[in-house]
Structure formats: structure tokens, C-alpha cells
Amino acid sequence: MNIDFHYYCVRVLAFKAGLSAAEAETIAYASQYVDDATEHKAIRVDGLPVEAQELASRGRFDPTCTAHRRLQYVTGLEKKVQASVYIPFHFVPAHPFDAAAPGPYEYRVEANGPLVQSLLQQAVDLLGADPHSLRGLIKTGIALHTYADSWAHQRFSGRNSARDNDIQDREFFKRQVWHDVSLPERAFLDMAPDIGHAEAGMYPDAADLGFRYRPAQETATIERNNTDQFLMAASHIFHALQLAVGGAVPFDAIQPALRARFLDAERNHQEQLWAAAFPDVFAAPAVQYTRCRWRKDALSGEHHLQTHGPPPSSSLPMARPAKASCLQRFSACSAPTASLPSGCVRWVLLLEAISQSASERLQPRMRALPLPSPAHCQSLSSIALPRMPGLRMPHETKPSVPSLLVHGR
């Protein structure tokens, strides 16, 4: 999926489910940022407010890069990138690893599969425990991104595999007509590596299209309606959020407007189009998603100057770190924590939540893929994961949540 769903649609769903406009925007920003988190250098933190004391006590952390831009896409050919980025954040396998199961492990994604359902359940539990926690809102947004991707990325996997990802005979459905992919585009896609949906291009992520293709090693054609699939994903997310925060708006009340937005292929001025369709959602705060907005707020120091005046002379300047530096410096406000705006820490909390999610989502063993430290791994083989619509209410007794993905033998 793209920004249409991960940011604008999620923001609508969160607000209509019962969250405030600011809380809905926080969830939506975190959801979209999983496709934009290119930070990969160590970050040093100090002087953080009480919301981030756990992080501040460690002094530094290593952010997890979950997105690539331009030449960074070349790194996707590395097995460690497939293992640490694509699989745990964008192509979560359908089922937990079971060493006793017959046959090879299935890495391909399944829409609303058991593992992504556990992510959705975690989102319900986080919001149900404290709907106003900045950390909880951010972690919920990250979870919703991966859950939503299970619908767009179904039947593809995050590993380099011709069996999973090599496809032929691509066609797309638009304006009531099936169209062949052009010869130049087909040649370009055929040269793409067999990773994720690279050979399908952006067709699986486009909400306004139908799409069909034939897996190269199979004879049957796979056909799907992206608009219907994305609406089903939206419905599941909406009802899960409602369970957590107790909203009363029925999904049927917003479904027609969502469908209209999905079917609109206009890619310019998205913020105005979504604001026109849902004026109550996008009244405030700022409508437009900007990839670096939280980062700039955190590093510019403007929040400090506006609220507290210039920082003490002993503080390091809150400026954008030099590109050549391997250790970025985030020096937070030294004023009393009670008066600090949440914008001071939300970017740092966002990066920390992504890194924490990476540790929780340790992927099953691939034959040649390296595993993260087994100390972080827990098995889900014996855990009965809930299936929609059987989500627990937040107040119900639940077992402790294990690591999302598992390591093999």
C-alpha cells in the first residue's frame, strides 16, 4: 500500500473509531513512516522528558532502517536486509514457524494471516491500556502498517525467491477494462529481482486498480480487486480500533467515501482531496504528511526557542547532524519536563518504537539468512493466535505477548 492508505486512510479510521484528531494524526504518521524510515546511524540522546526516560537512561540507540530511497534499493539484494527489513515490516509470513510441520516453511504473505492478526491484537491492547499514550499511539501506527501490507502484499514474500515472487502475464484493470502491461514496462519488471513484489511494480499497492498475473512456476492465474481488498483491510482495522477506544460510528457510514477516494487515481494534491471527503478529520492539525516533519521538529530546536527561550550555553546546538558523522546528536530541552511539548520526543520515540518492533519481529530461519540474536527470540508454535472477528476486548485477561516472529532451529 502507499500513502493513500497508510497515512490518509489510517488517519480517517483512527479518528472515526473514537480517537482525537491529534491522536489519529500521530497513529497515521507512525504508520506511513515505516515506508520512510531511512535513519540507520546511531543516535545519542540525553535530557529527554519523562515520556522517554527509559530511552534516555541508555544514552543512545541504533535506529532500524525500514525503508530505502534511490540507490539504497540496491541493498535489498542483501540477505540481511531481507531478513531485518522486508520480512518483519512489509512481508510478514502467514503462519508462525513450526519445526514439526511437514514440508518447507511458507514465507508468502497471507491477507489477515495469523501473525499479522497478532499485530492487530497488540494494537488493540496498547490502545485499550492507555489511548492517550504517545508511545502507545506510535507503536499502534507501526503495527497497523504491517497489518495493512498483508492485504496488498498477499502471495508475495520478502525473501529472494523465484518460487514466491517470479511472475508473468501481468494485466491491470482500470476504468472497467483489462490492460496489458506495456512491452517496455514488462521487460523492466522481468529484470527486477525476485524480492517482494518487485516484478509486479506498484500494481499491488494501487488502491484504484484490479490486478492479475500468473506465478512463473504455476499454471493458474491470480486475480484480485485492490479496491475491495483495501476496504476489507480498512474494515478490520476500524473495528479493532473501535474495540480499543469505544467509538460508535459504524464502518458503513464511511465506507462509500473511502471507496470513492480509493478509486480516484489522482495523485496530486492528495491532502486536499482527503480533506474535502473528510473535513472533520483533517481540520487540525496539519493535513499534509511530510516525511521529515517530526525529525525537523526534534532537531531544529524551534520548539525550545518558542517555549523556553535559548538553551543554556552548555547545551549542544540542536542542528541537523553532519552526514559524515556516524554518531548523530539529539540534545533535548533542558527546561522542566512538565512544560515540554510532546513534539520534543515524538521523533525519538518513533525511531525507538521501530527499533523495538524489529527486535520483537524476529523472522523465522531461512536457509541462508542470518538471524538476529537468539536471546530476543521466543517461539509462537504453541500460542493460539486470535482470528478476526474474535478480538479480545482490552479489559479481558490475556496471555503475555511473545515475540511476533520466531527463530528456527
Protein backbone atom coordinates (compact mmCIF):
# COMPACT_ATOMS: atom_id res chain seq x y z
CA MET A 1 0.00 0.00 0.00
CA ASN A 2 1.05 3.60 -0.36
CA ILE A 3 0.47 6.86 1.47
CA ASP A 4 -3.21 6.92 0.46
CA PHE A 5 -3.86 4.06 2.85
CA HIS A 6 -1.00 4.15 5.35
CA TYR A 7 -1.47 7.82 6.22
CA TYR A 8 -4.74 9.30 4.96
CA CYS A 9 -6.98 6.25 5.32
CA VAL A 10 -5.48 5.24 8.68
CA ARG A 11 -5.97 8.79 9.95
CA VAL A 12 -9.65 8.63 8.97
CA LEU A 13 -10.10 5.20 10.56
CA ALA A 14 -8.45 6.23 13.82
CA PHE A 15 -10.48 9.43 14.14
CA LYS A 16 -13.80 7.80 13.24
CA ALA A 17 -13.05 4.95 15.66
CA GLY A 18 -13.07 7.45 18.52
CA LEU A 19 -9.59 8.98 18.85
CA SER A 20 -8.96 12.73 18.82
CA ALA A 21 -7.68 14.48 15.69
CA ALA A 22 -4.18 14.81 17.15
CA GLU A 23 -4.08 11.16 18.27
CA ALA A 24 -5.32 9.98 14.89
CA GLU A 25 -2.61 12.03 13.17
CA THR A 26 0.06 10.51 15.42
CA ILE A 27 -1.04 6.96 14.57
CA ALA A 28 -1.22 7.79 10.86
CA TYR A 29 2.20 9.48 10.83
CA ALA A 30 3.83 6.47 12.51
CA SER A 31 2.03 4.15 10.09
CA GLN A 32 3.33 5.92 7.00
CA TYR A 33 6.80 6.48 8.46
CA VAL A 34 7.55 2.75 8.24
CA ASP A 35 7.84 3.40 4.47
CA ASP A 36 10.06 6.43 5.10
CA ALA A 37 12.37 5.48 8.00
CA THR A 38 15.81 5.65 6.38
CA GLU A 39 17.68 6.53 9.59
CA HIS A 40 20.39 3.96 10.24
CA LYS A 41 23.16 5.71 12.21
CA ALA A 42 23.45 5.59 15.97
CA ILE A 43 21.63 8.34 17.84
CA ARG A 44 22.75 9.71 21.20
CA VAL A 45 20.03 11.07 23.44
CA ASP A 46 20.06 12.98 26.72
CA GLY A 47 17.88 15.35 28.69
CA LEU A 48 14.68 13.74 27.43
CA PRO A 49 11.36 14.36 29.19
CA VAL A 50 9.71 11.80 31.41
CA GLU A 51 7.94 10.12 28.47
CA ALA A 52 11.29 8.84 27.27
CA GLN A 53 13.22 8.25 30.48
CA GLU A 54 13.70 4.57 29.68
CA LEU A 55 15.36 5.53 26.41
CA ALA A 56 17.32 8.38 27.97
CA SER A 57 18.80 6.06 30.60
CA ARG A 58 20.51 4.08 27.85
CA GLY A 59 22.05 7.22 26.37
CA ARG A 60 21.97 6.03 22.76
CA PHE A 61 20.32 3.53 20.47
CA ASP A 62 20.67 2.26 16.92
CA PRO A 63 17.64 3.05 14.76
CA THR A 64 16.32 0.43 12.37
CA CYS A 65 16.05 1.38 8.70
CA THR A 66 12.72 0.10 7.34
CA ALA A 67 12.69 1.96 4.01
CA HIS A 68 15.01 2.65 1.10
CA ARG A 69 15.37 5.58 -1.25
CA ARG A 70 17.10 5.86 -4.59
CA LEU A 71 20.38 3.89 -4.56
CA GLN A 72 19.52 2.40 -1.17
CA TYR A 73 17.25 -0.05 -3.01
CA VAL A 74 20.37 -1.91 -4.12
CA THR A 75 20.88 -3.02 -0.52
CA GLY A 76 17.65 -5.01 -0.81
CA LEU A 77 19.68 -7.67 -2.60
CA GLU A 78 21.46 -8.36 0.68
CA LYS A 79 20.02 -11.25 2.64
CA LYS A 80 20.39 -9.41 5.92
CA VAL A 81 18.16 -6.61 4.58
CA GLN A 82 15.52 -9.09 3.50
CA ALA A 83 15.71 -10.67 6.95
CA SER A 84 15.67 -7.47 9.02
CA VAL A 85 13.54 -5.10 6.92
CA TYR A 86 11.34 -6.68 4.27
CA ILE A 87 10.09 -9.73 6.15
CA PRO A 88 9.41 -8.28 9.63
CA PHE A 89 7.88 -4.99 8.46
CA HIS A 90 6.41 -5.41 4.98
CA PHE A 91 6.09 -9.14 4.17
CA VAL A 92 5.25 -10.95 7.40
CA PRO A 93 4.72 -14.67 6.66
CA ALA A 94 1.25 -16.07 7.21
CA HIS A 95 2.00 -18.54 9.99
CA PRO A 96 4.45 -18.97 12.85
CA PHE A 97 7.35 -21.29 12.30
CA ASP A 98 6.72 -24.86 13.44
CA ALA A 99 9.69 -27.20 13.36
CA ALA A 100 7.36 -30.19 13.45
CA ALA A 101 5.28 -29.11 10.45
CA PRO A 102 5.79 -31.18 7.29
CA GLY A 103 7.26 -29.66 4.16
CA PRO A 104 9.12 -26.39 3.65
CA TYR A 105 8.16 -23.29 5.59
CA GLU A 106 5.83 -20.91 3.69
CA TYR A 107 7.21 -17.38 3.58
CA ARG A 108 4.50 -15.84 1.43
CA VAL A 109 2.15 -13.30 2.93
CA GLU A 110 -1.49 -14.07 3.61
CA ALA A 111 -4.06 -11.29 3.92
CA ASN A 112 -5.20 -11.17 7.55
CA GLY A 113 -2.93 -14.10 8.38
CA PRO A 114 -2.42 -15.27 11.97
CA LEU A 115 0.86 -13.43 12.52
CA VAL A 116 -0.42 -10.05 11.31
CA GLN A 117 -3.58 -10.64 13.31
CA SER A 118 -1.39 -10.80 16.39
CA LEU A 119 -0.05 -7.37 15.41
CA LEU A 120 -3.57 -6.04 15.20
CA GLN A 121 -4.31 -7.57 18.58
CA GLN A 122 -1.28 -5.84 20.05
CA ALA A 123 -2.60 -2.53 18.69
CA VAL A 124 -5.94 -3.14 20.44
CA ASP A 125 -4.18 -3.99 23.70
CA LEU A 126 -1.92 -0.93 23.57
CA LEU A 127 -4.76 1.49 22.90
CA GLY A 128 -7.06 -0.20 25.39
CA ALA A 129 -4.46 0.14 28.14
CA ASP A 130 -3.89 3.86 27.54
CA PRO A 131 -5.47 5.51 24.47
CA HIS A 132 -3.56 8.75 25.12
CA SER A 133 -0.02 7.38 25.49
CA LEU A 134 2.30 8.83 22.87
CA ARG A 135 4.38 5.66 22.86
CA GLY A 136 1.26 3.52 22.52
CA LEU A 137 -0.11 5.59 19.64
CA ILE A 138 3.20 5.36 17.78
CA LYS A 139 3.55 1.60 18.27
CA THR A 140 -0.04 1.14 17.15
CA GLY A 141 0.68 3.03 13.93
CA ILE A 142 3.70 0.83 13.21
CA ALA A 143 1.62 -2.30 13.80
CA LEU A 144 -1.18 -1.06 11.52
CA HIS A 145 1.30 -0.53 8.68
CA THR A 146 2.41 -4.14 8.70
CA TYR A 147 -1.13 -5.42 9.08
CA ALA A 148 -2.35 -3.34 6.13
CA ASP A 149 0.54 -4.52 3.97
CA SER A 150 -0.64 -8.11 4.37
CA TRP A 151 -3.58 -7.26 2.10
CA ALA A 152 -1.53 -5.52 -0.58
CA HIS A 153 1.41 -7.94 -0.47
CA GLN A 154 -0.52 -11.20 -0.23
CA ARG A 155 1.08 -14.16 -2.07
CA PHE A 156 4.48 -12.44 -2.22
CA SER A 157 7.36 -12.86 0.22
CA GLY A 158 10.19 -10.67 1.46
CA ARG A 159 12.95 -13.10 0.52
CA ASN A 160 14.72 -13.52 -2.80
CA SER A 161 12.77 -16.44 -4.23
CA ALA A 162 11.66 -17.24 -7.78
CA ARG A 163 9.09 -19.65 -6.37
CA ASP A 164 7.47 -16.90 -4.31
CA ASN A 165 7.92 -13.79 -6.43
CA ASP A 166 8.65 -14.54 -10.10
CA ILE A 167 5.50 -13.69 -12.10
CA GLN A 168 4.36 -13.50 -15.73
CA ASP A 169 1.33 -12.39 -17.79
CA ARG A 170 0.65 -9.17 -15.86
CA GLU A 171 -2.56 -7.26 -16.53
CA PHE A 172 -4.30 -4.46 -14.68
CA PHE A 173 -7.94 -3.44 -14.57
CA LYS A 174 -8.75 0.25 -14.81
CA ARG A 175 -11.87 2.12 -15.94
CA GLN A 176 -13.73 -1.15 -16.49
CA VAL A 177 -11.13 -2.52 -18.95
CA TRP A 178 -8.27 -5.00 -18.58
CA HIS A 179 -4.98 -3.68 -19.94
CA ASP A 180 -1.75 -5.50 -20.78
CA VAL A 181 1.37 -4.12 -19.18
CA SER A 182 3.35 -2.34 -21.90
CA LEU A 183 6.26 -4.17 -23.51
CA PRO A 184 8.95 -1.79 -22.13
CA GLU A 185 7.48 -1.99 -18.63
CA ARG A 186 7.20 -5.76 -18.86
CA ALA A 187 10.86 -6.01 -19.86
CA PHE A 188 11.84 -3.75 -16.97
CA LEU A 189 9.80 -5.73 -14.45
CA ASP A 190 11.17 -9.05 -15.71
CA MET A 191 14.67 -7.79 -14.92
CA ALA A 192 13.71 -6.94 -11.35
CA PRO A 193 14.95 -9.29 -8.61
CA ASP A 194 12.56 -11.90 -7.23
CA ILE A 195 12.12 -9.99 -3.95
CA GLY A 196 8.75 -8.85 -2.65
CA HIS A 197 6.51 -7.58 -5.42
CA ALA A 198 9.36 -6.05 -7.43
CA GLU A 199 8.27 -7.93 -10.56
CA ALA A 200 4.73 -6.60 -10.12
CA GLY A 201 5.86 -2.99 -9.83
CA MET A 202 3.46 -0.72 -7.97
CA TYR A 203 0.32 -2.54 -9.11
CA PRO A 204 -0.27 -4.41 -5.81
CA ASP A 205 -0.14 -1.10 -3.90
CA ALA A 206 -2.52 0.92 -6.11
CA ALA A 207 -5.95 1.21 -4.50
CA ASP A 208 -7.74 2.11 -7.73
CA LEU A 209 -6.74 -0.98 -9.74
CA GLY A 210 -7.58 -4.58 -10.30
CA PHE A 211 -4.58 -6.79 -10.97
CA ARG A 212 -3.93 -10.28 -12.27
CA TYR A 213 -0.85 -12.32 -13.04
CA ARG A 214 0.46 -15.86 -13.26
CA PRO A 215 3.20 -17.10 -10.92
CA ALA A 216 6.00 -18.27 -13.19
CA GLN A 217 6.12 -21.73 -11.62
CA GLU A 218 2.34 -22.25 -11.61
CA THR A 219 -0.37 -22.54 -14.25
CA ALA A 220 -3.27 -20.78 -12.51
CA THR A 221 -3.84 -17.03 -12.82
CA ILE A 222 -4.16 -14.94 -9.66
CA GLU A 223 -6.72 -12.13 -9.88
CA ARG A 224 -7.70 -9.59 -7.28
CA ASN A 225 -9.57 -6.31 -6.87
CA ASN A 226 -7.31 -3.96 -4.92
CA THR A 227 -10.15 -1.61 -4.00
CA ASP A 228 -12.20 -4.37 -2.40
CA GLN A 229 -9.15 -5.82 -0.65
CA PHE A 230 -8.15 -2.44 0.77
CA LEU A 231 -11.67 -1.79 2.02
CA MET A 232 -11.64 -5.13 3.80
CA ALA A 233 -8.33 -4.18 5.43
CA ALA A 234 -9.81 -0.83 6.45
CA SER A 235 -12.84 -2.57 7.96
CA HIS A 236 -10.71 -4.89 10.10
CA ILE A 237 -8.52 -2.02 11.31
CA PHE A 238 -11.52 0.16 12.06
CA HIS A 239 -13.30 -2.45 14.14
CA ALA A 240 -10.10 -3.30 16.03
CA LEU A 241 -9.54 0.37 16.91
CA GLN A 242 -13.17 0.71 17.96
CA LEU A 243 -12.77 -2.20 20.37
CA ALA A 244 -9.90 -0.31 21.99
CA VAL A 245 -11.36 3.20 22.26
CA GLY A 246 -15.11 2.60 22.22
CA GLY A 247 -16.19 4.63 19.20
CA ALA A 248 -19.77 4.33 17.95
CA VAL A 249 -19.57 5.32 14.24
CA PRO A 250 -20.44 2.32 12.01
CA PHE A 251 -17.99 1.44 9.24
CA ASP A 252 -20.82 1.56 6.71
CA ALA A 253 -21.05 5.30 7.36
CA ILE A 254 -17.55 5.94 5.99
CA GLN A 255 -17.15 3.10 3.52
CA PRO A 256 -18.65 4.90 0.47
CA ALA A 257 -16.34 7.89 0.91
CA LEU A 258 -13.34 5.62 1.39
CA ARG A 259 -14.19 3.68 -1.78
CA ALA A 260 -14.51 6.94 -3.71
CA ARG A 261 -11.10 8.06 -2.50
CA PHE A 262 -9.52 4.70 -3.37
CA LEU A 263 -10.96 4.78 -6.88
CA ASP A 264 -9.70 8.29 -7.53
CA ALA A 265 -6.40 7.86 -9.36
CA GLU A 266 -5.42 11.49 -8.83
CA ARG A 267 -2.01 11.51 -7.15
CA ASN A 268 -1.57 15.28 -6.87
CA HIS A 269 -2.99 17.33 -4.00
CA GLN A 270 -3.97 14.22 -2.05
CA GLU A 271 -4.28 16.16 1.18
CA GLN A 272 -6.92 18.49 -0.28
CA LEU A 273 -8.90 15.60 -1.73
CA TRP A 274 -8.94 13.66 1.55
CA ALA A 275 -9.75 16.84 3.47
CA ALA A 276 -12.70 17.52 1.16
CA ALA A 277 -14.01 13.98 1.67
CA PHE A 278 -13.50 14.02 5.47
CA PRO A 279 -13.43 17.66 6.62
CA ASP A 280 -13.95 16.75 10.30
CA VAL A 281 -10.86 14.50 10.27
CA PHE A 282 -8.46 16.91 8.61
CA ALA A 283 -9.49 20.17 10.22
CA ALA A 284 -6.45 20.13 12.52
CA PRO A 285 -3.57 19.55 12.97
CA ALA A 286 -1.69 20.00 9.69
CA VAL A 287 -3.24 17.91 6.92
CA GLN A 288 -0.26 17.22 4.71
CA TYR A 289 2.14 14.42 5.53
CA THR A 290 5.76 15.50 5.31
CA ARG A 291 8.35 12.77 5.72
CA CYS A 292 10.86 14.83 7.71
CA ARG A 293 8.41 16.92 9.77
CA TRP A 294 8.91 15.16 13.11
CA ARG A 295 12.64 14.90 12.54
CA LYS A 296 12.96 18.61 11.78
CA ASP A 297 10.90 19.50 14.84
CA ALA A 298 13.18 17.38 17.00
CA LEU A 299 16.50 18.59 15.61
CA SER A 300 15.80 22.23 14.81
CA GLY A 301 15.31 23.43 18.39
CA GLU A 302 12.41 25.65 17.32
CA HIS A 303 10.14 24.07 19.94
CA HIS A 304 12.69 25.07 22.59
CA LEU A 305 13.03 28.63 21.39
CA GLN A 306 9.29 29.11 21.14
CA THR A 307 8.58 27.70 24.60
CA HIS A 308 11.60 28.31 26.77
CA GLY A 309 13.92 30.77 25.03
CA PRO A 310 17.50 29.96 24.02
CA PRO A 311 19.05 26.83 25.55
CA PRO A 312 21.88 27.13 28.08
CA SER A 313 25.28 27.81 26.57
CA SER A 314 26.50 24.42 27.77
CA SER A 315 23.96 22.60 25.60
CA LEU A 316 25.00 21.41 22.19
CA PRO A 317 23.04 23.03 19.35
CA MET A 318 20.02 21.10 18.12
CA ALA A 319 21.04 21.19 14.49
CA ARG A 320 20.84 18.62 11.73
CA PRO A 321 23.83 16.30 12.20
CA ALA A 322 26.57 16.24 9.60
CA LYS A 323 26.12 13.48 7.03
CA ALA A 324 29.66 12.28 7.62
CA SER A 325 29.10 11.72 11.33
CA CYS A 326 28.50 8.16 12.48
CA LEU A 327 27.00 9.38 15.76
CA GLN A 328 24.07 11.76 15.49
CA ARG A 329 23.45 14.06 18.43
CA PHE A 330 19.99 14.72 19.78
CA SER A 331 20.23 17.16 22.70
CA ALA A 332 16.74 17.69 24.06
CA CYS A 333 15.42 20.67 26.01
CA SER A 334 16.87 21.10 29.48
CA ALA A 335 13.86 23.02 30.77
CA PRO A 336 11.43 21.42 33.27
CA THR A 337 9.83 18.32 31.75
CA ALA A 338 6.30 19.32 32.72
CA SER A 339 6.30 22.16 30.19
CA LEU A 340 7.94 20.35 27.30
CA PRO A 341 5.70 19.73 24.26
CA SER A 342 5.43 16.14 23.08
CA GLY A 343 6.97 17.21 19.77
CA CYS A 344 10.34 17.26 21.55
CA VAL A 345 10.40 13.50 21.89
CA ARG A 346 7.99 12.04 19.37
CA TRP A 347 10.59 11.55 16.61
CA VAL A 348 12.98 9.85 19.03
CA LEU A 349 10.14 7.70 20.37
CA LEU A 350 9.13 6.86 16.80
CA LEU A 351 12.62 5.64 15.90
CA GLU A 352 12.89 3.76 19.18
CA ALA A 353 9.50 2.10 18.63
CA ILE A 354 10.56 0.96 15.15
CA SER A 355 13.80 -0.49 16.54
CA GLN A 356 11.88 -2.20 19.33
CA SER A 357 9.45 -3.64 16.81
CA ALA A 358 12.38 -5.02 14.83
CA SER A 359 13.60 -6.87 17.93
CA GLU A 360 10.10 -8.25 18.56
CA ARG A 361 9.55 -9.42 15.00
CA LEU A 362 12.46 -11.78 14.62
CA GLN A 363 11.95 -13.72 11.46
CA PRO A 364 11.84 -17.47 11.08
CA ARG A 365 15.05 -19.10 9.97
CA MET A 366 15.73 -19.05 6.26
CA ARG A 367 18.22 -21.50 4.89
CA ALA A 368 20.88 -18.89 4.21
CA LEU A 369 19.60 -15.83 6.02
CA PRO A 370 21.33 -14.69 9.20
CA LEU A 371 19.24 -14.48 12.37
CA PRO A 372 19.32 -11.73 14.96
CA SER A 373 20.44 -12.69 18.42
CA PRO A 374 18.53 -15.78 19.66
CA ALA A 375 18.33 -14.09 23.07
CA HIS A 376 15.48 -11.99 21.69
CA CYS A 377 13.61 -14.92 20.14
CA GLN A 378 10.56 -16.67 21.51
CA SER A 379 8.54 -19.40 19.86
CA LEU A 380 4.95 -18.91 18.83
CA SER A 381 4.45 -22.56 17.97
CA SER A 382 2.24 -23.22 20.99
CA ILE A 383 0.41 -19.88 21.01
CA ALA A 384 -3.17 -19.86 19.75
CA LEU A 385 -3.38 -16.60 17.80
CA PRO A 386 -6.82 -14.96 17.54
CA ARG A 387 -8.60 -14.66 14.22
CA MET A 388 -10.91 -11.86 13.17
CA PRO A 389 -13.51 -11.01 14.27
CA GLY A 390 -12.66 -12.68 17.58
CA LEU A 391 -10.54 -9.89 19.05
CA ARG A 392 -10.36 -9.65 22.80
CA MET A 393 -11.76 -6.61 24.49
CA PRO A 394 -8.95 -4.61 26.12
CA HIS A 395 -10.11 -5.43 29.66
CA GLU A 396 -10.19 -9.21 29.13
CA THR A 397 -7.49 -11.42 30.59
CA LYS A 398 -4.81 -12.20 28.06
CA PRO A 399 -1.52 -14.10 27.99
CA SER A 400 1.71 -12.16 27.76
CA VAL A 401 2.54 -11.22 24.17
CA PRO A 402 5.52 -13.17 22.84
CA SER A 403 7.91 -12.06 20.13
CA LEU A 404 5.96 -11.75 16.91
CA LEU A 405 8.18 -13.86 14.71
CA VAL A 406 10.31 -16.76 15.69
CA HIS A 407 13.67 -18.28 15.03
CA GLY A 408 14.15 -21.80 13.86
CA ARG A 409 16.48 -24.50 14.95
